Every structure is written in C-alpha cells, then in structure tokens.
Amino acid sequence: PRASSDHATAVVVEAPADATVSRLKNLVREALGPESRGRYLRLIVRGRLLAPDGAALEGFKLRDGEAVHAVLAARGVRGGHQAALARGGGHHHASSDSSSSSALIG
C-alpha cells in the first residue's frame, strides 16, 4: 500500500545491455519529464538498490520486461535518507511529496 500523498506513474524505457545505472537513471528521468529534474533518484529492483551509479546493469541480472521501481526524493531533499546516512548525517525524514514510478526494462 502507498500513502495517498505519493504519486505513481508507469513508464517503459529500454536500456542497452552494456548500460550503467547512471544511464538507466537518465532514461527514466527523460521518460518522467521535468518533474524529475534536480531531484535525487533511486532505482530498486527485486528489493535491491541499483548502486553505485557507475555500476553496469548486467551485474544486477535484470531480465527483459522486469519492473524497476524509481523513487524520487522530495524537492529540496539532497540525496534522500540513504545519502544522508552515507554522508554521516543524522536522521532525515523526507517530506511527503516524494513520488515513485515503475519502469519496465525492455
């Protein structure tokens, strides 16, 4: 279940076999349009965060047509909770205007 303040959109993107996480993020941002600009984006597949950005997608063993969940941080949140923890920050709570999307890899 998702909170009523979340926004969900389904998009379909195709990434080349040798693409990186960063390239897939760019494709998802293009598909989502202006709302995704300047916002921290996480990609999640089968419960696993696709990271780091320079990692090859082939290392994650993605399958054709598999759903990848794209989570945009709320506007003004720099990197979201995980990035804040990685920077050594304390507890950070994102506001409720975060949104999620599903991208089908084809």
PDB file of N, CA and C in Angstrom:
ATOM      1  N   PRO A   1       0.827  -1.187   0.000  1.00  0.00           N
ATOM      2  CA  PRO A   1       0.000   0.000   0.000  1.00  0.00           C
ATOM      3  C   PRO A   1       0.873   1.253   0.000  1.00  0.00           C
ATOM      4  N   ARG A   2       0.358   2.317  -0.591  1.00  0.00           N
ATOM      5  CA  ARG A   2       1.121   3.548  -0.601  1.00  0.00           C
ATOM      6  C   ARG A   2       0.268   4.668  -0.045  1.00  0.00           C
ATOM      7  N   ALA A   3       0.943   5.646   0.517  1.00  0.00           N
ATOM      8  CA  ALA A   3       0.234   6.774   1.116  1.00  0.00           C
ATOM      9  C   ALA A   3      -0.456   7.576   0.030  1.00  0.00           C
ATOM     10  N   SER A   4      -1.541   8.239   0.393  1.00  0.00           N
ATOM     11  CA  SER A   4      -2.298   8.999  -0.592  1.00  0.00           C
ATOM     12  C   SER A   4      -1.523  10.187  -1.133  1.00  0.00           C
ATOM     13  N   SER A   5      -0.472  10.625  -0.457  1.00  0.00           N
ATOM     14  CA  SER A   5       0.311  11.761  -0.938  1.00  0.00           C
ATOM     15  C   SER A   5       1.355  11.355  -1.975  1.00  0.00           C
ATOM     16  N   ASP A   6       1.559  10.050  -2.168  1.00  0.00           N
ATOM     17  CA  ASP A   6       2.514   9.584  -3.169  1.00  0.00           C
ATOM     18  C   ASP A   6       1.889   9.669  -4.553  1.00  0.00           C
ATOM     19  N   HIS A   7       2.745   9.767  -5.548  1.00  0.00           N
ATOM     20  CA  HIS A   7       2.292   9.799  -6.930  1.00  0.00           C
ATOM     21  C   HIS A   7       2.983   8.647  -7.641  1.00  0.00           C
ATOM     22  N   ALA A   8       2.239   7.854  -8.364  1.00  0.00           N
ATOM     23  CA  ALA A   8       2.838   6.731  -9.091  1.00  0.00           C
ATOM     24  C   ALA A   8       2.566   6.896 -10.582  1.00  0.00           C
ATOM     25  N   THR A   9       3.571   6.622 -11.368  1.00  0.00           N
ATOM     26  CA  THR A   9       3.487   6.704 -12.810  1.00  0.00           C
ATOM     27  C   THR A   9       4.216   5.506 -13.380  1.00  0.00           C
ATOM     28  N   ALA A  10       3.679   4.884 -14.405  1.00  0.00           N
ATOM     29  CA  ALA A  10       4.371   3.782 -15.065  1.00  0.00           C
ATOM     30  C   ALA A  10       4.959   4.292 -16.377  1.00  0.00           C
ATOM     31  N   VAL A  11       6.222   3.992 -16.589  1.00  0.00           N
ATOM     32  CA  VAL A  11       6.886   4.343 -17.841  1.00  0.00           C
ATOM     33  C   VAL A  11       7.634   3.110 -18.339  1.00  0.00           C
ATOM     34  N   VAL A  12       7.885   3.075 -19.635  1.00  0.00           N
ATOM     35  CA  VAL A  12       8.651   1.986 -20.213  1.00  0.00           C
ATOM     36  C   VAL A  12       9.893   2.589 -20.845  1.00  0.00           C
ATOM     37  N   VAL A  13      11.048   2.069 -20.461  1.00  0.00           N
ATOM     38  CA  VAL A  13      12.308   2.516 -21.053  1.00  0.00           C
ATOM     39  C   VAL A  13      13.092   1.290 -21.503  1.00  0.00           C
ATOM     40  N   GLU A  14      13.922   1.487 -22.498  1.00  0.00           N
ATOM     41  CA  GLU A  14      14.804   0.419 -22.956  1.00  0.00           C
ATOM     42  C   GLU A  14      16.234   0.864 -22.744  1.00  0.00           C
ATOM     43  N   ALA A  15      16.992   0.017 -22.090  1.00  0.00           N
ATOM     44  CA  ALA A  15      18.393   0.317 -21.827  1.00  0.00           C
ATOM     45  C   ALA A  15      19.254  -0.712 -22.543  1.00  0.00           C
ATOM     46  N   PRO A  16      20.349  -0.269 -23.165  1.00  0.00           N
ATOM     47  CA  PRO A  16      21.243  -1.227 -23.814  1.00  0.00           C
ATOM     48  C   PRO A  16      21.856  -2.183 -22.789  1.00  0.00           C
ATOM     49  N   ALA A  17      22.237  -3.344 -23.241  1.00  0.00           N
ATOM     50  CA  ALA A  17      22.781  -4.372 -22.356  1.00  0.00           C
ATOM     51  C   ALA A  17      24.013  -3.885 -21.593  1.00  0.00           C
ATOM     52  N   ASP A  18      24.791  -2.989 -22.187  1.00  0.00           N
ATOM     53  CA  ASP A  18      26.014  -2.526 -21.532  1.00  0.00           C
ATOM     54  C   ASP A  18      25.832  -1.218 -20.765  1.00  0.00           C
ATOM     55  N   ALA A  19      24.582  -0.816 -20.512  1.00  0.00           N
ATOM     56  CA  ALA A  19      24.300   0.440 -19.824  1.00  0.00           C
ATOM     57  C   ALA A  19      24.698   0.370 -18.355  1.00  0.00           C
ATOM     58  N   THR A  20      24.916   1.542 -17.793  1.00  0.00           N
ATOM     59  CA  THR A  20      25.197   1.667 -16.359  1.00  0.00           C
ATOM     60  C   THR A  20      23.926   2.103 -15.633  1.00  0.00           C
ATOM     61  N   VAL A  21      23.973   2.067 -14.311  1.00  0.00           N
ATOM     62  CA  VAL A  21      22.865   2.561 -13.501  1.00  0.00           C
ATOM     63  C   VAL A  21      22.603   4.026 -13.846  1.00  0.00           C
ATOM     64  N   SER A  22      23.666   4.800 -14.006  1.00  0.00           N
ATOM     65  CA  SER A  22      23.533   6.212 -14.342  1.00  0.00           C
ATOM     66  C   SER A  22      22.773   6.402 -15.656  1.00  0.00           C
ATOM     67  N   ARG A  23      23.080   5.603 -16.666  1.00  0.00           N
ATOM     68  CA  ARG A  23      22.393   5.699 -17.955  1.00  0.00           C
ATOM     69  C   ARG A  23      20.917   5.365 -17.798  1.00  0.00           C
ATOM     70  N   LEU A  24      20.604   4.328 -17.020  1.00  0.00           N
ATOM     71  CA  LEU A  24      19.208   3.976 -16.788  1.00  0.00           C
ATOM     72  C   LEU A  24      18.489   5.107 -16.059  1.00  0.00           C
ATOM     73  N   LYS A  25      19.145   5.719 -15.086  1.00  0.00           N
ATOM     74  CA  LYS A  25      18.539   6.853 -14.381  1.00  0.00           C
ATOM     75  C   LYS A  25      18.226   7.981 -15.356  1.00  0.00           C
ATOM     76  N   ASN A  26      19.142   8.253 -16.279  1.00  0.00           N
ATOM     77  CA  ASN A  26      18.905   9.303 -17.265  1.00  0.00           C
ATOM     78  C   ASN A  26      17.708   8.972 -18.151  1.00  0.00           C
ATOM     79  N   LEU A  27      17.589   7.709 -18.556  1.00  0.00           N
ATOM     80  CA  LEU A  27      16.451   7.285 -19.379  1.00  0.00           C
ATOM     81  C   LEU A  27      15.135   7.441 -18.610  1.00  0.00           C
ATOM     82  N   VAL A  28      15.151   7.079 -17.346  1.00  0.00           N
ATOM     83  CA  VAL A  28      13.946   7.204 -16.515  1.00  0.00           C
ATOM     84  C   VAL A  28      13.596   8.675 -16.344  1.00  0.00           C
ATOM     85  N   ARG A  29      14.589   9.520 -16.078  1.00  0.00           N
ATOM     86  CA  ARG A  29      14.337  10.963 -15.938  1.00  0.00           C
ATOM     87  C   ARG A  29      13.730  11.544 -17.213  1.00  0.00           C
ATOM     88  N   GLU A  30      14.259  11.134 -18.379  1.00  0.00           N
ATOM     89  CA  GLU A  30      13.713  11.605 -19.654  1.00  0.00           C
ATOM     90  C   GLU A  30      12.250  11.196 -19.786  1.00  0.00           C
ATOM     91  N   ALA A  31      11.939   9.962 -19.396  1.00  0.00           N
ATOM     92  CA  ALA A  31      10.569   9.459 -19.506  1.00  0.00           C
ATOM     93  C   ALA A  31       9.627  10.168 -18.523  1.00  0.00           C
ATOM     94  N   LEU A  32      10.126  10.504 -17.347  1.00  0.00           N
ATOM     95  CA  LEU A  32       9.288  11.163 -16.341  1.00  0.00           C
ATOM     96  C   LEU A  32       9.087  12.641 -16.625  1.00  0.00           C
ATOM     97  N   GLY A  33      10.023  13.242 -17.341  1.00  0.00           N
ATOM     98  CA  GLY A  33       9.881  14.649 -17.697  1.00  0.00           C
ATOM     99  C   GLY A  33      10.397  15.598 -16.632  1.00  0.00           C
ATOM    100  N   PRO A  34       9.987  16.862 -16.727  1.00  0.00           N
ATOM    101  CA  PRO A  34      10.542  17.930 -15.902  1.00  0.00           C
ATOM    102  C   PRO A  34      10.402  17.721 -14.398  1.00  0.00           C
ATOM    103  N   GLU A  35       9.388  16.984 -13.961  1.00  0.00           N
ATOM    104  CA  GLU A  35       9.188  16.800 -12.516  1.00  0.00           C
ATOM    105  C   GLU A  35      10.386  16.105 -11.850  1.00  0.00           C
ATOM    106  N   SER A  36      11.177  15.372 -12.633  1.00  0.00           N
ATOM    107  CA  SER A  36      12.292  14.619 -12.050  1.00  0.00           C
ATOM    108  C   SER A  36      13.602  15.411 -12.006  1.00  0.00           C
ATOM    109  N   ARG A  37      13.649  16.544 -12.665  1.00  0.00           N
ATOM    110  CA  ARG A  37      14.894  17.327 -12.718  1.00  0.00           C
ATOM    111  C   ARG A  37      15.294  17.842 -11.348  1.00  0.00           C
ATOM    112  N   GLY A  38      16.578  17.687 -11.043  1.00  0.00           N
ATOM    113  CA  GLY A  38      17.115  18.217  -9.806  1.00  0.00           C
ATOM    114  C   GLY A  38      16.706  17.450  -8.558  1.00  0.00           C
ATOM    115  N   ARG A  39      16.091  16.294  -8.733  1.00  0.00           N
ATOM    116  CA  ARG A  39      15.665  15.502  -7.573  1.00  0.00           C
ATOM    117  C   ARG A  39      16.457  14.200  -7.522  1.00  0.00           C
ATOM    118  N   TYR A  40      16.809  13.799  -6.317  1.00  0.00           N
ATOM    119  CA  TYR A  40      17.550  12.552  -6.104  1.00  0.00           C
ATOM    120  C   TYR A  40      16.675  11.382  -6.534  1.00  0.00           C
ATOM    121  N   LEU A  41      17.248  10.472  -7.311  1.00  0.00           N
ATOM    122  CA  LEU A  41      16.511   9.334  -7.861  1.00  0.00           C
ATOM    123  C   LEU A  41      17.175   8.033  -7.437  1.00  0.00           C
ATOM    124  N   ARG A  42      16.372   7.124  -6.883  1.00  0.00           N
ATOM    125  CA  ARG A  42      16.843   5.783  -6.547  1.00  0.00           C
ATOM    126  C   ARG A  42      16.116   4.797  -7.433  1.00  0.00           C
ATOM    127  N   LEU A  43      16.842   3.787  -7.917  1.00  0.00           N
ATOM    128  CA  LEU A  43      16.239   2.709  -8.690  1.00  0.00           C
ATOM    129  C   LEU A  43      16.339   1.425  -7.878  1.00  0.00           C
ATOM    130  N   ILE A  44      15.243   0.705  -7.798  1.00  0.00           N
ATOM    131  CA  ILE A  44      15.176  -0.502  -6.971  1.00  0.00           C
ATOM    132  C   ILE A  44      14.566  -1.626  -7.795  1.00  0.00           C
ATOM    133  N   VAL A  45      15.206  -2.788  -7.767  1.00  0.00           N
ATOM    134  CA  VAL A  45      14.673  -3.959  -8.458  1.00  0.00           C
ATOM    135  C   VAL A  45      14.750  -5.156  -7.514  1.00  0.00           C
ATOM    136  N   ARG A  46      13.657  -5.901  -7.428  1.00  0.00           N
ATOM    137  CA  ARG A  46      13.578  -7.058  -6.516  1.00  0.00           C
ATOM    138  C   ARG A  46      14.070  -6.709  -5.109  1.00  0.00           C
ATOM    139  N   GLY A  47      13.752  -5.495  -4.656  1.00  0.00           N
ATOM    140  CA  GLY A  47      14.135  -5.070  -3.311  1.00  0.00           C
ATOM    141  C   GLY A  47      15.576  -4.641  -3.163  1.00  0.00           C
ATOM    142  N   ARG A  48      16.305  -4.586  -4.254  1.00  0.00           N
ATOM    143  CA  ARG A  48      17.735  -4.239  -4.209  1.00  0.00           C
ATOM    144  C   ARG A  48      17.971  -2.884  -4.861  1.00  0.00           C
ATOM    145  N   LEU A  49      18.683  -2.018  -4.181  1.00  0.00           N
ATOM    146  CA  LEU A  49      19.035  -0.708  -4.710  1.00  0.00           C
ATOM    147  C   LEU A  49      20.063  -0.870  -5.811  1.00  0.00           C
ATOM    148  N   LEU A  50      19.812  -0.254  -6.969  1.00  0.00           N
ATOM    149  CA  LEU A  50      20.788  -0.286  -8.057  1.00  0.00           C
ATOM    150  C   LEU A  50      21.808   0.816  -7.783  1.00  0.00           C
ATOM    151  N   ALA A  51      22.956   0.439  -7.295  1.00  0.00           N
ATOM    152  CA  ALA A  51      24.003   1.399  -6.933  1.00  0.00           C
ATOM    153  C   ALA A  51      25.330   0.661  -6.937  1.00  0.00           C
ATOM    154  N   PRO A  52      26.409   1.381  -7.157  1.00  0.00           N
ATOM    155  CA  PRO A  52      26.533   2.817  -7.409  1.00  0.00           C
ATOM    156  C   PRO A  52      26.157   3.158  -8.849  1.00  0.00           C
ATOM    157  N   ASP A  53      26.087   4.450  -9.140  1.00  0.00           N
ATOM    158  CA  ASP A  53      25.668   4.905 -10.466  1.00  0.00           C
ATOM    159  C   ASP A  53      26.556   4.381 -11.587  1.00  0.00           C
ATOM    160  N   GLY A  54      27.822   4.167 -11.321  1.00  0.00           N
ATOM    161  CA  GLY A  54      28.748   3.701 -12.346  1.00  0.00           C
ATOM    162  C   GLY A  54      28.705   2.204 -12.593  1.00  0.00           C
ATOM    163  N   ALA A  55      27.909   1.479 -11.809  1.00  0.00           N
ATOM    164  CA  ALA A  55      27.840   0.020 -11.945  1.00  0.00           C
ATOM    165  C   ALA A  55      27.115  -0.378 -13.225  1.00  0.00           C
ATOM    166  N   ALA A  56      27.596  -1.441 -13.846  1.00  0.00           N
ATOM    167  CA  ALA A  56      26.950  -1.977 -15.051  1.00  0.00           C
ATOM    168  C   ALA A  56      25.655  -2.681 -14.664  1.00  0.00           C
ATOM    169  N   LEU A  57      24.613  -2.474 -15.466  1.00  0.00           N
ATOM    170  CA  LEU A  57      23.327  -3.118 -15.186  1.00  0.00           C
ATOM    171  C   LEU A  57      23.423  -4.633 -15.253  1.00  0.00           C
ATOM    172  N   GLU A  58      24.311  -5.144 -16.109  1.00  0.00           N
ATOM    173  CA  GLU A  58      24.435  -6.601 -16.248  1.00  0.00           C
ATOM    174  C   GLU A  58      24.799  -7.267 -14.926  1.00  0.00           C
ATOM    175  N   GLY A  59      25.437  -6.542 -14.024  1.00  0.00           N
ATOM    176  CA  GLY A  59      25.790  -7.085 -12.719  1.00  0.00           C
ATOM    177  C   GLY A  59      24.586  -7.333 -11.821  1.00  0.00           C
ATOM    178  N   PHE A  60      23.457  -6.725 -12.162  1.00  0.00           N
ATOM    179  CA  PHE A  60      22.248  -6.893 -11.359  1.00  0.00           C
ATOM    180  C   PHE A  60      21.332  -7.974 -11.922  1.00  0.00           C
ATOM    181  N   LYS A  61      21.740  -8.564 -13.055  1.00  0.00           N
ATOM    182  CA  LYS A  61      20.989  -9.661 -13.669  1.00  0.00           C
ATOM    183  C   LYS A  61      19.524  -9.296 -13.919  1.00  0.00           C
ATOM    184  N   LEU A  62      19.310  -8.117 -14.522  1.00  0.00           N
ATOM    185  CA  LEU A  62      17.961  -7.690 -14.868  1.00  0.00           C
ATOM    186  C   LEU A  62      17.439  -8.545 -16.014  1.00  0.00           C
ATOM    187  N   ARG A  63      16.138  -8.809 -15.982  1.00  0.00           N
ATOM    188  CA  ARG A  63      15.513  -9.598 -17.037  1.00  0.00           C
ATOM    189  C   ARG A  63      14.650  -8.688 -17.908  1.00  0.00           C
ATOM    190  N   ASP A  64      14.521  -9.053 -19.178  1.00  0.00           N
ATOM    191  CA  ASP A  64      13.658  -8.307 -20.092  1.00  0.00           C
ATOM    192  C   ASP A  64      12.267  -8.166 -19.491  1.00  0.00           C
ATOM    193  N   GLY A  65      11.734  -6.956 -19.521  1.00  0.00           N
ATOM    194  CA  GLY A  65      10.391  -6.719 -19.033  1.00  0.00           C
ATOM    195  C   GLY A  65      10.268  -6.608 -17.529  1.00  0.00           C
ATOM    196  N   GLU A  66      11.380  -6.680 -16.822  1.00  0.00           N
ATOM    197  CA  GLU A  66      11.345  -6.625 -15.358  1.00  0.00           C
ATOM    198  C   GLU A  66      11.027  -5.219 -14.869  1.00  0.00           C
ATOM    199  N   ALA A  67      10.232  -5.122 -13.821  1.00  0.00           N
ATOM    200  CA  ALA A  67       9.887  -3.822 -13.242  1.00  0.00           C
ATOM    201  C   ALA A  67      11.026  -3.309 -12.383  1.00  0.00           C
ATOM    202  N   VAL A  68      11.388  -2.061 -12.628  1.00  0.00           N
ATOM    203  CA  VAL A  68      12.373  -1.353 -11.810  1.00  0.00           C
ATOM    204  C   VAL A  68      11.627  -0.193 -11.184  1.00  0.00           C
ATOM    205  N   HIS A  69      11.663  -0.080  -9.882  1.00  0.00           N
ATOM    206  CA  HIS A  69      10.952   0.985  -9.189  1.00  0.00           C
ATOM    207  C   HIS A  69      11.873   2.187  -9.054  1.00  0.00           C
ATOM    208  N   ALA A  70      11.383   3.333  -9.495  1.00  0.00           N
ATOM    209  CA  ALA A  70      12.143   4.578  -9.428  1.00  0.00           C
ATOM    210  C   ALA A  70      11.510   5.447  -8.354  1.00  0.00           C
ATOM    211  N   VAL A  71      12.305   5.853  -7.383  1.00  0.00           N
ATOM    212  CA  VAL A  71      11.800   6.666  -6.285  1.00  0.00           C
ATOM    213  C   VAL A  71      12.499   8.017  -6.322  1.00  0.00           C
ATOM    214  N   LEU A  72      11.711   9.073  -6.489  1.00  0.00           N
ATOM    215  CA  LEU A  72      12.237  10.432  -6.488  1.00  0.00           C
ATOM    216  C   LEU A  72      12.123  11.004  -5.089  1.00  0.00           C
ATOM    217  N   ALA A  73      13.202  11.591  -4.601  1.00  0.00           N
ATOM    218  CA  ALA A  73      13.157  12.250  -3.297  1.00  0.00           C
ATOM    219  C   ALA A  73      12.302  13.503  -3.404  1.00  0.00           C
ATOM    220  N   ALA A  74      11.782  13.935  -2.293  1.00  0.00           N
ATOM    221  CA  ALA A  74      11.008  15.172  -2.255  1.00  0.00           C
ATOM    222  C   ALA A  74      11.876  16.334  -2.712  1.00  0.00           C
ATOM    223  N   ARG A  75      11.256  17.330  -3.287  1.00  0.00           N
ATOM    224  CA  ARG A  75      12.001  18.518  -3.706  1.00  0.00           C
ATOM    225  C   ARG A  75      12.748  19.091  -2.513  1.00  0.00           C
ATOM    226  N   GLY A  76      14.002  19.464  -2.737  1.00  0.00           N
ATOM    227  CA  GLY A  76      14.802  20.061  -1.677  1.00  0.00           C
ATOM    228  C   GLY A  76      15.555  19.055  -0.824  1.00  0.00           C
ATOM    229  N   VAL A  77      15.231  17.778  -0.955  1.00  0.00           N
ATOM    230  CA  VAL A  77      15.947  16.751  -0.207  1.00  0.00           C
ATOM    231  C   VAL A  77      17.152  16.356  -1.037  1.00  0.00           C
ATOM    232  N   ARG A  78      18.336  16.548  -0.485  1.00  0.00           N
ATOM    233  CA  ARG A  78      19.559  16.259  -1.226  1.00  0.00           C
ATOM    234  C   ARG A  78      20.011  14.836  -0.941  1.00  0.00           C
ATOM    235  N   GLY A  79      19.676  13.938  -1.821  1.00  0.00           N
ATOM    236  CA  GLY A  79      20.159  12.573  -1.709  1.00  0.00           C
ATOM    237  C   GLY A  79      19.301  11.642  -0.902  1.00  0.00           C
ATOM    238  N   GLY A  80      18.294  12.135  -0.264  1.00  0.00           N
ATOM    239  CA  GLY A  80      17.424  11.258   0.490  1.00  0.00           C
ATOM    240  C   GLY A  80      18.088  10.704   1.743  1.00  0.00           C
ATOM    241  N   HIS A  81      17.384   9.863   2.422  1.00  0.00           N
ATOM    242  CA  HIS A  81      17.815   9.304   3.698  1.00  0.00           C
ATOM    243  C   HIS A  81      19.112   8.503   3.577  1.00  0.00           C
ATOM    244  N   GLN A  82      19.205   7.651   2.556  1.00  0.00           N
ATOM    245  CA  GLN A  82      20.393   6.807   2.416  1.00  0.00           C
ATOM    246  C   GLN A  82      21.638   7.643   2.188  1.00  0.00           C
ATOM    247  N   ALA A  83      21.537   8.673   1.353  1.00  0.00           N
ATOM    248  CA  ALA A  83      22.695   9.524   1.093  1.00  0.00           C
ATOM    249  C   ALA A  83      23.074  10.309   2.342  1.00  0.00           C
ATOM    250  N   ALA A  84      22.084  10.739   3.112  1.00  0.00           N
ATOM    251  CA  ALA A  84      22.373  11.468   4.352  1.00  0.00           C
ATOM    252  C   ALA A  84      23.134  10.568   5.322  1.00  0.00           C
ATOM    253  N   LEU A  85      22.736   9.322   5.400  1.00  0.00           N
ATOM    254  CA  LEU A  85      23.446   8.383   6.271  1.00  0.00           C
ATOM    255  C   LEU A  85      24.867   8.146   5.761  1.00  0.00           C
ATOM    256  N   ALA A  86      25.015   8.036   4.451  1.00  0.00           N
ATOM    257  CA  ALA A  86      26.339   7.823   3.866  1.00  0.00           C
ATOM    258  C   ALA A  86      27.257   9.015   4.127  1.00  0.00           C
ATOM    259  N   ARG A  87      26.675  10.212   4.193  1.00  0.00           N
ATOM    260  CA  ARG A  87      27.460  11.417   4.477  1.00  0.00           C
ATOM    261  C   ARG A  87      27.717  11.570   5.962  1.00  0.00           C
ATOM    262  N   GLY A  88      27.156  10.673   6.772  1.00  0.00           N
ATOM    263  CA  GLY A  88      27.357  10.757   8.216  1.00  0.00           C
ATOM    264  C   GLY A  88      26.326  11.633   8.894  1.00  0.00           C
ATOM    265  N   GLY A  89      25.265  11.971   8.164  1.00  0.00           N
ATOM    266  CA  GLY A  89      24.210  12.818   8.724  1.00  0.00           C
ATOM    267  C   GLY A  89      23.357  12.042   9.699  1.00  0.00           C
ATOM    268  N   GLY A  90      22.602  12.764  10.455  1.00  0.00           N
ATOM    269  CA  GLY A  90      21.706  12.144  11.419  1.00  0.00           C
ATOM    270  C   GLY A  90      20.451  11.653  10.740  1.00  0.00           C
ATOM    271  N   HIS A  91      19.393  11.571  11.506  1.00  0.00           N
ATOM    272  CA  HIS A  91      18.123  11.104  10.960  1.00  0.00           C
ATOM    273  C   HIS A  91      17.525  12.202  10.097  1.00  0.00           C
ATOM    274  N   HIS A  92      17.100  11.823   8.919  1.00  0.00           N
ATOM    275  CA  HIS A  92      16.497  12.777   7.997  1.00  0.00           C
ATOM    276  C   HIS A  92      15.188  12.189   7.515  1.00  0.00           C
ATOM    277  N   HIS A  93      14.150  12.962   7.590  1.00  0.00           N
ATOM    278  CA  HIS A  93      12.847  12.490   7.136  1.00  0.00           C
ATOM    279  C   HIS A  93      12.436  13.301   5.926  1.00  0.00           C
ATOM    280  N   ALA A  94      12.195  12.620   4.818  1.00  0.00           N
ATOM    281  CA  ALA A  94      11.756  13.301   3.599  1.00  0.00           C
ATOM    282  C   ALA A  94      10.312  13.746   3.768  1.00  0.00           C
ATOM    283  N   SER A  95       9.960  14.848   3.141  1.00  0.00           N
ATOM    284  CA  SER A  95       8.575  15.305   3.199  1.00  0.00           C
ATOM    285  C   SER A  95       7.706  14.391   2.347  1.00  0.00           C
ATOM    286  N   SER A  96       6.424  14.598   2.392  1.00  0.00           N
ATOM    287  CA  SER A  96       5.504  13.659   1.768  1.00  0.00           C
ATOM    288  C   SER A  96       5.320  13.861   0.276  1.00  0.00           C
ATOM    289  N   ASP A  97       6.084  14.755  -0.380  1.00  0.00           N
ATOM    290  CA  ASP A  97       5.856  14.882  -1.815  1.00  0.00           C
ATOM    291  C   ASP A  97       6.821  14.044  -2.644  1.00  0.00           C
ATOM    292  N   SER A  98       7.381  13.006  -2.036  1.00  0.00           N
ATOM    293  CA  SER A  98       8.189  12.088  -2.826  1.00  0.00           C
ATOM    294  C   SER A  98       7.259  11.304  -3.741  1.00  0.00           C
ATOM    295  N   SER A  99       7.807  10.763  -4.804  1.00  0.00           N
ATOM    296  CA  SER A  99       6.963  10.017  -5.721  1.00  0.00           C
ATOM    297  C   SER A  99       7.718   8.794  -6.212  1.00  0.00           C
ATOM    298  N   SER A 100       6.969   7.851  -6.712  1.00  0.00           N
ATOM    299  CA  SER A 100       7.600   6.648  -7.214  1.00  0.00           C
ATOM    300  C   SER A 100       7.035   6.299  -8.577  1.00  0.00           C
ATOM    301  N   SER A 101       7.826   5.608  -9.340  1.00  0.00           N
ATOM    302  CA  SER A 101       7.434   5.170 -10.677  1.00  0.00           C
ATOM    303  C   SER A 101       7.952   3.763 -10.882  1.00  0.00           C
ATOM    304  N   SER A 102       7.382   3.086 -11.822  1.00  0.00           N
ATOM    305  CA  SER A 102       7.899   1.786 -12.219  1.00  0.00           C
ATOM    306  C   SER A 102       8.312   1.870 -13.673  1.00  0.00           C
ATOM    307  N   ALA A 103       9.507   1.416 -13.964  1.00  0.00           N
ATOM    308  CA  ALA A 103       9.986   1.388 -15.338  1.00  0.00           C
ATOM    309  C   ALA A 103      10.145  -0.072 -15.732  1.00  0.00           C
ATOM    310  N   LEU A 104       9.619  -0.435 -16.861  1.00  0.00           N
ATOM    311  CA  LEU A 104       9.803  -1.787 -17.362  1.00  0.00           C
ATOM    312  C   LEU A 104      11.005  -1.772 -18.287  1.00  0.00           C
ATOM    313  N   ILE A 105      11.963  -2.636 -18.005  1.00  0.00           N
ATOM    314  CA  ILE A 105      13.154  -2.726 -18.836  1.00  0.00           C
ATOM    315  C   ILE A 105      12.832  -3.639 -20.004  1.00  0.00           C
ATOM    316  N   GLY A 106      13.089  -3.141 -21.205  1.00  0.00           N
ATOM    317  CA  GLY A 106      12.754  -3.951 -22.373  1.00  0.00           C
ATOM    318  C   GLY A 106      13.906  -4.107 -23.305  1.00  0.00           C
TER     319      GLY A 106
END
